[in-house]
């Protein structure tokens, strides 16, 4: 027996047939929908390479059953930019050298976007490091990652002040 779920992925509504109720969001995104920006690292929820946003909240997609998220709004790294215009967090990662090999970068960026949206980033580097602690980087680019998240958080706060 197959289940049909509806997901809004990067702004596009998609109906997906699941032949196996154990399919994770990570495997659905990568293998069925060919959105390979979300990376499979540890497949145990320990590295954060598979971080996506589900209904605006950060999750490890390797631990999330697709069937449990019927009706959810999902944002992956592919859904952040607007055409050729990078998302501010993506631009900050480039400007502040927040990556080396790049494997963890999509998960790092998605986690940073979520952290900032949740209002948890602030302007304290230690707070940012704690908020990003679920995302590991084998290259140890943590200083650049922290600078990038700090810059993007400050830019987001400045934008909010201008709108007020």
N, C-alpha and C. Protein backbone atom coordinates (compact mmCIF):
# COMPACT_ATOMS: atom_id res chain seq x y z
N UNK A 1 0.84 -1.19 0.00
CA UNK A 1 0.00 0.00 0.00
C UNK A 1 0.89 1.25 0.00
N UNK A 2 0.56 2.20 -0.85
CA UNK A 2 1.32 3.44 -0.95
C UNK A 2 0.57 4.57 -0.28
N UNK A 3 1.34 5.52 0.23
CA UNK A 3 0.77 6.73 0.81
C UNK A 3 1.11 7.90 -0.10
N UNK A 4 0.18 8.82 -0.23
CA UNK A 4 0.42 10.05 -0.99
C UNK A 4 0.45 11.20 0.00
N UNK A 5 1.55 11.96 -0.06
CA UNK A 5 1.67 13.14 0.78
C UNK A 5 1.84 14.37 -0.09
N UNK A 6 1.47 15.50 0.47
CA UNK A 6 1.63 16.77 -0.22
C UNK A 6 2.60 17.62 0.59
N UNK A 7 3.63 18.11 -0.07
CA UNK A 7 4.62 18.97 0.55
C UNK A 7 4.80 20.23 -0.29
N UNK A 8 5.03 21.34 0.36
CA UNK A 8 5.41 22.56 -0.35
C UNK A 8 6.91 22.68 -0.19
N UNK A 9 7.63 22.44 -1.27
CA UNK A 9 9.09 22.43 -1.23
C UNK A 9 9.62 23.61 -2.02
N UNK A 10 10.29 24.50 -1.30
CA UNK A 10 10.85 25.71 -1.91
C UNK A 10 9.79 26.48 -2.68
N UNK A 11 8.59 26.52 -2.12
CA UNK A 11 7.50 27.29 -2.70
C UNK A 11 6.65 26.56 -3.72
N UNK A 12 7.00 25.34 -4.06
CA UNK A 12 6.26 24.56 -5.05
C UNK A 12 5.54 23.40 -4.37
N UNK A 13 4.23 23.32 -4.59
CA UNK A 13 3.45 22.22 -4.02
C UNK A 13 3.71 20.96 -4.83
N UNK A 14 4.02 19.88 -4.11
CA UNK A 14 4.30 18.62 -4.78
C UNK A 14 3.58 17.48 -4.08
N UNK A 15 2.94 16.64 -4.87
CA UNK A 15 2.36 15.40 -4.36
C UNK A 15 3.37 14.29 -4.59
N UNK A 16 3.63 13.52 -3.56
CA UNK A 16 4.64 12.47 -3.65
C UNK A 16 4.02 11.17 -3.17
N UNK A 17 4.22 10.11 -3.92
CA UNK A 17 3.78 8.79 -3.52
C UNK A 17 4.91 8.09 -2.80
N UNK A 18 4.61 7.62 -1.60
CA UNK A 18 5.60 6.90 -0.80
C UNK A 18 5.25 5.43 -0.79
N UNK A 19 6.12 4.61 -1.35
CA UNK A 19 5.90 3.17 -1.34
C UNK A 19 6.35 2.54 -0.03
N UNK A 20 7.19 3.26 0.71
CA UNK A 20 7.73 2.78 1.98
C UNK A 20 7.51 3.86 3.04
N UNK A 21 6.80 3.56 4.11
CA UNK A 21 6.54 4.58 5.13
C UNK A 21 7.79 4.99 5.91
N UNK A 22 8.90 4.31 5.70
CA UNK A 22 10.13 4.62 6.43
C UNK A 22 11.05 5.59 5.69
N UNK A 23 10.62 6.12 4.57
CA UNK A 23 11.44 7.06 3.79
C UNK A 23 11.61 8.35 4.60
N UNK A 24 12.86 8.77 4.73
CA UNK A 24 13.13 10.02 5.43
C UNK A 24 12.99 11.20 4.47
N UNK A 25 12.84 12.38 5.05
CA UNK A 25 12.80 13.58 4.21
C UNK A 25 14.11 13.72 3.42
N UNK A 26 15.23 13.38 4.05
CA UNK A 26 16.51 13.47 3.37
C UNK A 26 16.54 12.61 2.11
N UNK A 27 16.15 11.35 2.24
CA UNK A 27 16.17 10.46 1.08
C UNK A 27 15.14 10.87 0.04
N UNK A 28 13.99 11.35 0.48
CA UNK A 28 12.98 11.83 -0.47
C UNK A 28 13.53 13.01 -1.27
N UNK A 29 14.12 13.97 -0.59
CA UNK A 29 14.66 15.15 -1.25
C UNK A 29 15.77 14.79 -2.23
N UNK A 30 16.72 13.98 -1.78
CA UNK A 30 17.89 13.67 -2.60
C UNK A 30 17.60 12.68 -3.71
N UNK A 31 16.95 11.58 -3.36
CA UNK A 31 16.82 10.47 -4.30
C UNK A 31 15.59 10.56 -5.19
N UNK A 32 14.50 11.08 -4.68
CA UNK A 32 13.27 11.14 -5.48
C UNK A 32 13.09 12.48 -6.16
N UNK A 33 13.43 13.56 -5.45
CA UNK A 33 13.17 14.90 -5.99
C UNK A 33 14.44 15.55 -6.55
N UNK A 34 15.56 14.88 -6.43
CA UNK A 34 16.84 15.33 -6.99
C UNK A 34 17.29 16.69 -6.48
N UNK A 35 16.95 16.99 -5.23
CA UNK A 35 17.44 18.19 -4.56
C UNK A 35 18.64 17.77 -3.72
N UNK A 36 19.79 17.74 -4.35
CA UNK A 36 20.97 17.14 -3.74
C UNK A 36 21.81 18.12 -2.93
N UNK A 37 21.35 19.34 -2.77
CA UNK A 37 22.07 20.29 -1.93
C UNK A 37 22.08 19.88 -0.48
N UNK A 38 21.03 19.25 -0.02
CA UNK A 38 20.96 18.72 1.33
C UNK A 38 21.83 17.47 1.37
N UNK A 39 22.80 17.46 2.26
CA UNK A 39 23.80 16.39 2.26
C UNK A 39 23.49 15.30 3.28
N UNK A 40 23.90 14.08 2.93
CA UNK A 40 23.82 12.95 3.85
C UNK A 40 25.22 12.79 4.45
N UNK A 41 25.32 13.10 5.72
CA UNK A 41 26.61 12.96 6.41
C UNK A 41 26.62 11.70 7.24
N UNK A 42 26.17 11.82 8.46
CA UNK A 42 26.22 10.68 9.38
C UNK A 42 24.99 9.79 9.30
N UNK A 43 23.88 10.31 8.81
CA UNK A 43 22.60 9.59 8.75
C UNK A 43 22.10 9.19 10.13
N UNK A 44 22.54 9.94 11.16
CA UNK A 44 22.15 9.65 12.54
C UNK A 44 21.75 10.91 13.32
N UNK A 45 21.66 12.05 12.64
CA UNK A 45 21.27 13.28 13.31
C UNK A 45 22.36 13.91 14.15
N UNK A 46 23.62 13.57 13.89
CA UNK A 46 24.70 14.07 14.72
C UNK A 46 25.55 15.15 14.06
N UNK A 47 25.50 15.25 12.72
CA UNK A 47 26.43 16.17 12.05
C UNK A 47 25.78 17.45 11.53
N UNK A 48 24.49 17.43 11.24
CA UNK A 48 23.80 18.62 10.77
C UNK A 48 23.91 18.88 9.27
N UNK A 49 24.61 18.03 8.52
CA UNK A 49 24.76 18.25 7.07
C UNK A 49 23.42 18.23 6.36
N UNK A 50 22.43 17.59 6.94
CA UNK A 50 21.12 17.43 6.31
C UNK A 50 20.09 18.45 6.81
N UNK A 51 20.54 19.51 7.47
CA UNK A 51 19.61 20.49 8.04
C UNK A 51 18.78 21.17 6.95
N UNK A 52 17.48 21.20 7.17
CA UNK A 52 16.53 21.91 6.32
C UNK A 52 15.58 22.66 7.25
N UNK A 53 14.72 23.48 6.67
CA UNK A 53 13.67 24.14 7.44
C UNK A 53 12.35 23.48 7.12
N UNK A 54 11.62 23.10 8.15
CA UNK A 54 10.28 22.55 8.00
C UNK A 54 9.36 23.46 8.80
N UNK A 55 8.43 24.09 8.08
CA UNK A 55 7.54 25.08 8.70
C UNK A 55 8.34 26.12 9.48
N UNK A 56 9.48 26.50 8.90
CA UNK A 56 10.30 27.56 9.47
C UNK A 56 11.25 27.14 10.57
N UNK A 57 11.24 25.88 10.95
CA UNK A 57 12.10 25.40 12.04
C UNK A 57 13.18 24.48 11.50
N UNK A 58 14.35 24.55 12.09
CA UNK A 58 15.48 23.71 11.68
C UNK A 58 15.25 22.27 12.12
N UNK A 59 15.49 21.33 11.22
CA UNK A 59 15.46 19.93 11.60
C UNK A 59 16.55 19.17 10.84
N UNK A 60 16.93 18.03 11.40
CA UNK A 60 17.82 17.10 10.70
C UNK A 60 16.92 16.21 9.86
N UNK A 61 17.00 16.37 8.55
CA UNK A 61 16.09 15.65 7.66
C UNK A 61 16.36 14.15 7.64
N UNK A 62 17.52 13.71 8.09
CA UNK A 62 17.82 12.27 8.12
C UNK A 62 17.03 11.56 9.21
N UNK A 63 16.52 12.31 10.17
CA UNK A 63 15.76 11.72 11.28
C UNK A 63 14.25 11.89 11.12
N UNK A 64 13.83 12.59 10.08
CA UNK A 64 12.42 12.94 9.91
C UNK A 64 11.77 12.05 8.85
N UNK A 65 10.76 11.33 9.24
CA UNK A 65 10.02 10.53 8.27
C UNK A 65 9.18 11.44 7.39
N UNK A 66 9.26 11.26 6.10
CA UNK A 66 8.51 12.09 5.16
C UNK A 66 7.01 12.00 5.45
N UNK A 67 6.53 10.82 5.74
CA UNK A 67 5.11 10.60 5.99
C UNK A 67 4.60 11.45 7.15
N UNK A 68 5.45 11.74 8.11
CA UNK A 68 5.06 12.54 9.28
C UNK A 68 4.93 14.02 8.98
N UNK A 69 5.35 14.43 7.79
CA UNK A 69 5.36 15.86 7.46
C UNK A 69 4.41 16.20 6.32
N UNK A 70 3.41 15.39 6.14
CA UNK A 70 2.38 15.66 5.12
C UNK A 70 1.82 17.06 5.36
N UNK A 71 1.80 17.88 4.32
CA UNK A 71 1.27 19.24 4.42
C UNK A 71 2.29 20.28 4.84
N UNK A 72 3.52 19.88 5.12
CA UNK A 72 4.54 20.80 5.62
C UNK A 72 5.11 21.67 4.51
N UNK A 73 5.64 22.80 4.94
CA UNK A 73 6.38 23.70 4.05
C UNK A 73 7.86 23.49 4.31
N UNK A 74 8.58 23.08 3.30
CA UNK A 74 9.99 22.72 3.43
C UNK A 74 10.84 23.69 2.61
N UNK A 75 11.92 24.15 3.23
CA UNK A 75 12.89 24.98 2.51
C UNK A 75 14.23 24.27 2.58
N UNK A 76 14.83 24.09 1.40
CA UNK A 76 16.16 23.50 1.31
C UNK A 76 17.11 24.59 0.82
N UNK A 77 18.38 24.27 0.76
CA UNK A 77 19.39 25.22 0.29
C UNK A 77 19.05 25.72 -1.11
N UNK A 78 18.44 24.87 -1.93
CA UNK A 78 18.08 25.29 -3.29
C UNK A 78 17.00 26.37 -3.30
N UNK A 79 16.25 26.50 -2.22
CA UNK A 79 15.15 27.46 -2.17
C UNK A 79 15.49 28.79 -1.54
N UNK A 80 16.73 29.00 -1.16
CA UNK A 80 17.08 30.26 -0.48
C UNK A 80 17.28 31.44 -1.41
N UNK A 81 18.01 31.25 -2.49
CA UNK A 81 18.31 32.39 -3.36
C UNK A 81 17.08 32.78 -4.15
N UNK A 82 17.08 34.01 -4.60
CA UNK A 82 16.01 34.53 -5.46
C UNK A 82 16.63 34.78 -6.83
N UNK A 83 16.55 33.78 -7.69
CA UNK A 83 17.21 33.89 -8.99
C UNK A 83 18.71 33.92 -8.79
N UNK A 84 19.35 34.95 -9.31
CA UNK A 84 20.80 35.09 -9.16
C UNK A 84 21.19 35.78 -7.86
N UNK A 85 20.20 36.30 -7.12
CA UNK A 85 20.48 37.02 -5.88
C UNK A 85 20.57 36.02 -4.72
N UNK A 86 21.75 35.96 -4.12
CA UNK A 86 21.94 35.05 -2.98
C UNK A 86 21.15 35.52 -1.77
N UNK A 87 20.76 34.57 -0.95
CA UNK A 87 20.18 34.88 0.35
C UNK A 87 21.27 35.59 1.17
N UNK A 88 20.93 36.52 2.06
CA UNK A 88 21.95 37.22 2.84
C UNK A 88 22.89 36.30 3.62
N UNK A 89 22.40 35.17 4.09
CA UNK A 89 23.28 34.24 4.81
C UNK A 89 24.26 33.58 3.83
N UNK A 90 23.81 33.24 2.65
CA UNK A 90 24.72 32.68 1.65
C UNK A 90 25.81 33.70 1.31
N UNK A 91 25.42 34.94 1.10
CA UNK A 91 26.39 36.00 0.78
C UNK A 91 27.37 36.20 1.93
N UNK A 92 26.88 36.12 3.17
CA UNK A 92 27.76 36.29 4.33
C UNK A 92 28.76 35.15 4.43
N UNK A 93 28.36 33.94 4.11
CA UNK A 93 29.29 32.81 4.14
C UNK A 93 30.42 33.02 3.13
N UNK A 94 30.10 33.58 1.98
CA UNK A 94 31.13 33.85 0.98
C UNK A 94 32.02 34.99 1.46
N UNK A 95 31.42 36.07 1.92
CA UNK A 95 32.18 37.26 2.33
C UNK A 95 33.09 37.00 3.53
N UNK A 96 32.69 36.08 4.41
CA UNK A 96 33.44 35.85 5.65
C UNK A 96 34.15 34.50 5.66
N UNK A 97 34.30 33.92 4.48
CA UNK A 97 35.05 32.67 4.34
C UNK A 97 34.54 31.60 5.31
N UNK A 98 33.21 31.36 5.26
CA UNK A 98 32.58 30.42 6.15
C UNK A 98 32.56 29.00 5.64
N UNK A 99 33.49 28.66 4.76
CA UNK A 99 33.52 27.29 4.24
C UNK A 99 34.91 26.96 3.74
N UNK A 100 35.18 25.67 3.70
CA UNK A 100 36.41 25.20 3.08
C UNK A 100 36.04 24.18 2.02
N UNK A 101 35.87 22.92 2.39
CA UNK A 101 35.53 21.93 1.37
C UNK A 101 34.11 22.10 0.87
N UNK A 102 33.22 22.64 1.70
CA UNK A 102 31.86 22.95 1.29
C UNK A 102 30.84 21.86 1.56
N UNK A 103 31.24 20.69 2.00
CA UNK A 103 30.27 19.61 2.18
C UNK A 103 29.22 19.96 3.24
N UNK A 104 29.65 20.54 4.33
CA UNK A 104 28.71 20.87 5.41
C UNK A 104 28.00 22.19 5.19
N UNK A 105 28.44 22.96 4.21
CA UNK A 105 27.96 24.33 4.03
C UNK A 105 26.45 24.44 3.86
N UNK A 106 25.78 23.62 3.06
CA UNK A 106 24.32 23.76 2.97
C UNK A 106 23.63 23.61 4.33
N UNK A 107 24.04 22.62 5.11
CA UNK A 107 23.46 22.43 6.43
C UNK A 107 23.79 23.59 7.36
N UNK A 108 25.02 24.09 7.27
CA UNK A 108 25.43 25.23 8.10
C UNK A 108 24.58 26.46 7.75
N UNK A 109 24.41 26.70 6.46
CA UNK A 109 23.63 27.87 6.03
C UNK A 109 22.17 27.73 6.46
N UNK A 110 21.59 26.56 6.26
CA UNK A 110 20.18 26.36 6.65
C UNK A 110 20.02 26.52 8.15
N UNK A 111 20.97 26.01 8.92
CA UNK A 111 20.90 26.17 10.37
C UNK A 111 21.02 27.64 10.76
N UNK A 112 21.91 28.37 10.09
CA UNK A 112 22.08 29.80 10.37
C UNK A 112 20.81 30.58 10.03
N UNK A 113 20.19 30.27 8.89
CA UNK A 113 18.94 30.93 8.52
C UNK A 113 17.88 30.70 9.60
N UNK A 114 17.77 29.45 10.04
CA UNK A 114 16.81 29.13 11.10
C UNK A 114 17.13 29.82 12.41
N UNK A 115 18.39 29.82 12.79
CA UNK A 115 18.83 30.44 14.03
C UNK A 115 18.48 31.93 14.04
N UNK A 116 18.75 32.59 12.94
CA UNK A 116 18.44 34.03 12.83
C UNK A 116 16.93 34.25 12.85
N UNK A 117 16.19 33.45 12.09
CA UNK A 117 14.73 33.60 12.04
C UNK A 117 14.09 33.34 13.40
N UNK A 118 14.67 32.44 14.17
CA UNK A 118 14.15 32.13 15.51
C UNK A 118 14.50 33.22 16.51
N UNK A 119 15.34 34.18 16.11
CA UNK A 119 15.76 35.24 17.03
C UNK A 119 16.79 34.76 18.03
N UNK A 120 17.48 33.67 17.72
CA UNK A 120 18.42 33.08 18.66
C UNK A 120 19.88 33.42 18.37
N UNK A 121 20.15 34.13 17.28
CA UNK A 121 21.54 34.39 16.91
C UNK A 121 22.12 35.56 17.72
N UNK A 122 21.44 36.68 17.72
CA UNK A 122 21.93 37.85 18.44
C UNK A 122 23.26 38.33 17.89
N UNK A 123 24.01 39.00 18.75
CA UNK A 123 25.30 39.56 18.35
C UNK A 123 26.45 39.02 19.19
N UNK A 124 26.20 38.00 19.98
CA UNK A 124 27.24 37.40 20.82
C UNK A 124 27.80 36.16 20.11
N UNK A 125 29.09 36.20 19.74
CA UNK A 125 29.67 35.04 19.04
C UNK A 125 29.50 33.72 19.80
N UNK A 126 29.59 33.76 21.12
CA UNK A 126 29.44 32.53 21.91
C UNK A 126 28.02 31.97 21.76
N UNK A 127 27.05 32.85 21.75
CA UNK A 127 25.65 32.44 21.57
C UNK A 127 25.46 31.81 20.18
N UNK A 128 26.10 32.39 19.18
CA UNK A 128 26.02 31.85 17.83
C UNK A 128 26.67 30.48 17.77
N UNK A 129 27.85 30.35 18.36
CA UNK A 129 28.52 29.04 18.37
C UNK A 129 27.65 27.99 19.05
N UNK A 130 27.01 28.35 20.14
CA UNK A 130 26.12 27.41 20.84
C UNK A 130 24.92 27.05 19.95
N UNK A 131 24.34 28.05 19.31
CA UNK A 131 23.18 27.82 18.45
C UNK A 131 23.49 27.00 17.21
N UNK A 132 24.74 27.03 16.78
CA UNK A 132 25.17 26.29 15.60
C UNK A 132 25.86 24.98 15.96
N UNK A 133 25.88 24.63 17.24
CA UNK A 133 26.67 23.48 17.70
C UNK A 133 26.19 22.14 17.15
N UNK A 134 25.00 22.06 16.61
CA UNK A 134 24.52 20.82 16.01
C UNK A 134 25.03 20.60 14.60
N UNK A 135 25.81 21.53 14.09
CA UNK A 135 26.36 21.41 12.74
C UNK A 135 27.88 21.31 12.83
N UNK A 136 28.39 20.18 12.38
CA UNK A 136 29.83 19.93 12.45
C UNK A 136 30.51 20.25 11.13
N UNK A 137 31.76 20.69 11.24
CA UNK A 137 32.58 20.99 10.06
C UNK A 137 33.91 20.26 10.23
N UNK A 138 34.15 19.29 9.37
CA UNK A 138 35.40 18.52 9.47
C UNK A 138 36.62 19.37 9.14
N UNK A 139 36.43 20.44 8.38
CA UNK A 139 37.55 21.31 8.03
C UNK A 139 37.84 22.34 9.13
N UNK A 140 36.97 22.42 10.12
CA UNK A 140 37.12 23.35 11.24
C UNK A 140 37.07 24.82 10.80
N UNK A 141 36.14 25.15 9.94
CA UNK A 141 35.97 26.53 9.47
C UNK A 141 35.07 27.32 10.43
N UNK A 142 35.07 26.96 11.69
CA UNK A 142 34.14 27.54 12.65
C UNK A 142 34.29 29.05 12.82
N UNK A 143 35.50 29.58 12.77
CA UNK A 143 35.68 31.03 12.93
C UNK A 143 34.97 31.78 11.80
N UNK A 144 35.14 31.33 10.57
CA UNK A 144 34.47 31.96 9.43
C UNK A 144 32.97 31.78 9.49
N UNK A 145 32.52 30.62 9.92
CA UNK A 145 31.08 30.36 10.05
C UNK A 145 30.49 31.31 11.08
N UNK A 146 31.15 31.45 12.21
CA UNK A 146 30.65 32.34 13.27
C UNK A 146 30.61 33.78 12.77
N UNK A 147 31.67 34.23 12.08
CA UNK A 147 31.68 35.59 11.54
C UNK A 147 30.54 35.79 10.53
N UNK A 148 30.30 34.79 9.70
CA UNK A 148 29.23 34.89 8.69
C UNK A 148 27.86 34.99 9.35
N UNK A 149 27.61 34.15 10.34
CA UNK A 149 26.32 34.18 11.02
C UNK A 149 26.15 35.48 11.78
N UNK A 150 27.20 35.95 12.41
CA UNK A 150 27.17 37.22 13.13
C UNK A 150 26.84 38.36 12.18
N UNK A 151 27.50 38.41 11.03
CA UNK A 151 27.25 39.47 10.05
C UNK A 151 25.83 39.40 9.52
N UNK A 152 25.36 38.21 9.18
CA UNK A 152 24.00 38.06 8.67
C UNK A 152 22.97 38.42 9.74
N UNK A 153 23.24 38.05 10.98
CA UNK A 153 22.33 38.39 12.08
C UNK A 153 22.27 39.90 12.29
N UNK A 154 23.42 40.55 12.24
CA UNK A 154 23.46 42.01 12.39
C UNK A 154 22.74 42.69 11.24
N UNK A 155 22.91 42.18 10.02
CA UNK A 155 22.22 42.74 8.87
C UNK A 155 20.71 42.57 9.00
N UNK A 156 20.27 41.40 9.49
CA UNK A 156 18.84 41.16 9.67
C UNK A 156 18.27 42.09 10.73
N UNK A 157 19.01 42.29 11.82
CA UNK A 157 18.55 43.19 12.88
C UNK A 157 18.47 44.63 12.38
N UNK A 158 19.46 45.03 11.56
CA UNK A 158 19.45 46.38 10.99
C UNK A 158 18.25 46.56 10.06
N UNK A 159 17.96 45.54 9.27
CA UNK A 159 16.79 45.59 8.39
C UNK A 159 15.48 45.72 9.16
N UNK A 160 15.40 45.03 10.29
CA UNK A 160 14.20 45.13 11.13
C UNK A 160 14.07 46.52 11.73
N UNK A 161 15.20 47.12 12.15
CA UNK A 161 15.16 48.47 12.73
C UNK A 161 14.70 49.49 11.68
N UNK A 162 15.14 49.31 10.44
CA UNK A 162 14.74 50.22 9.38
C UNK A 162 13.26 50.11 9.07
N UNK A 163 12.70 48.92 9.21
CA UNK A 163 11.28 48.71 8.91
C UNK A 163 10.38 49.24 10.04
N UNK A 164 10.93 49.34 11.24
CA UNK A 164 10.12 49.77 12.40
C UNK A 164 9.85 51.24 12.42
